[in-house]
Amino acid sequence: MIRATLTLGLIALSLPAAAQTWKQVPGAANVAFAIDTASIKREGKWRVFRTRTTSLGVEGTIIGTAAMDCAAGITELRGQRLLARGRVVRERLFPVGKRPRQKIPNPAKDPAFRIVCRG
């Protein structure tokens, strides 16, 4: 009964299961990183999408909202949610001027770039 309630809480926090299509990003060591291809939306020059990260030895999953500028080869983190046992443990939302950004060194070889911008 408790497990069913926790599972329902987790589903309520995210998109319906039928609308989620997680694609694994290869190359991450000790981390499972996936992108929800069904969530990729255009916002001007940005493509906004959801990510899921799980680490070995950690009882939690990080669901993030990220954006990628395909023309400039830049990613930006917009928010993160740490889920453990079906509950939100911690949530961080980054304001517009303080969002962490990262330049992709070689977009042609980056698997996440290929999934978001070419997929």
Foldseek 3Di string as FASTA:
>chain_A
DVLVVLVVLLCVVDDHPVQFDWDWFPDDPQKTKTWGLSAFDDDPQKTKTWMWIDGPPDQWIKIWIKIARLVQQKIWTAKIFIDGSSDTPDIDGADPVGIDMDHDPDLVPGRVSCSRPVD
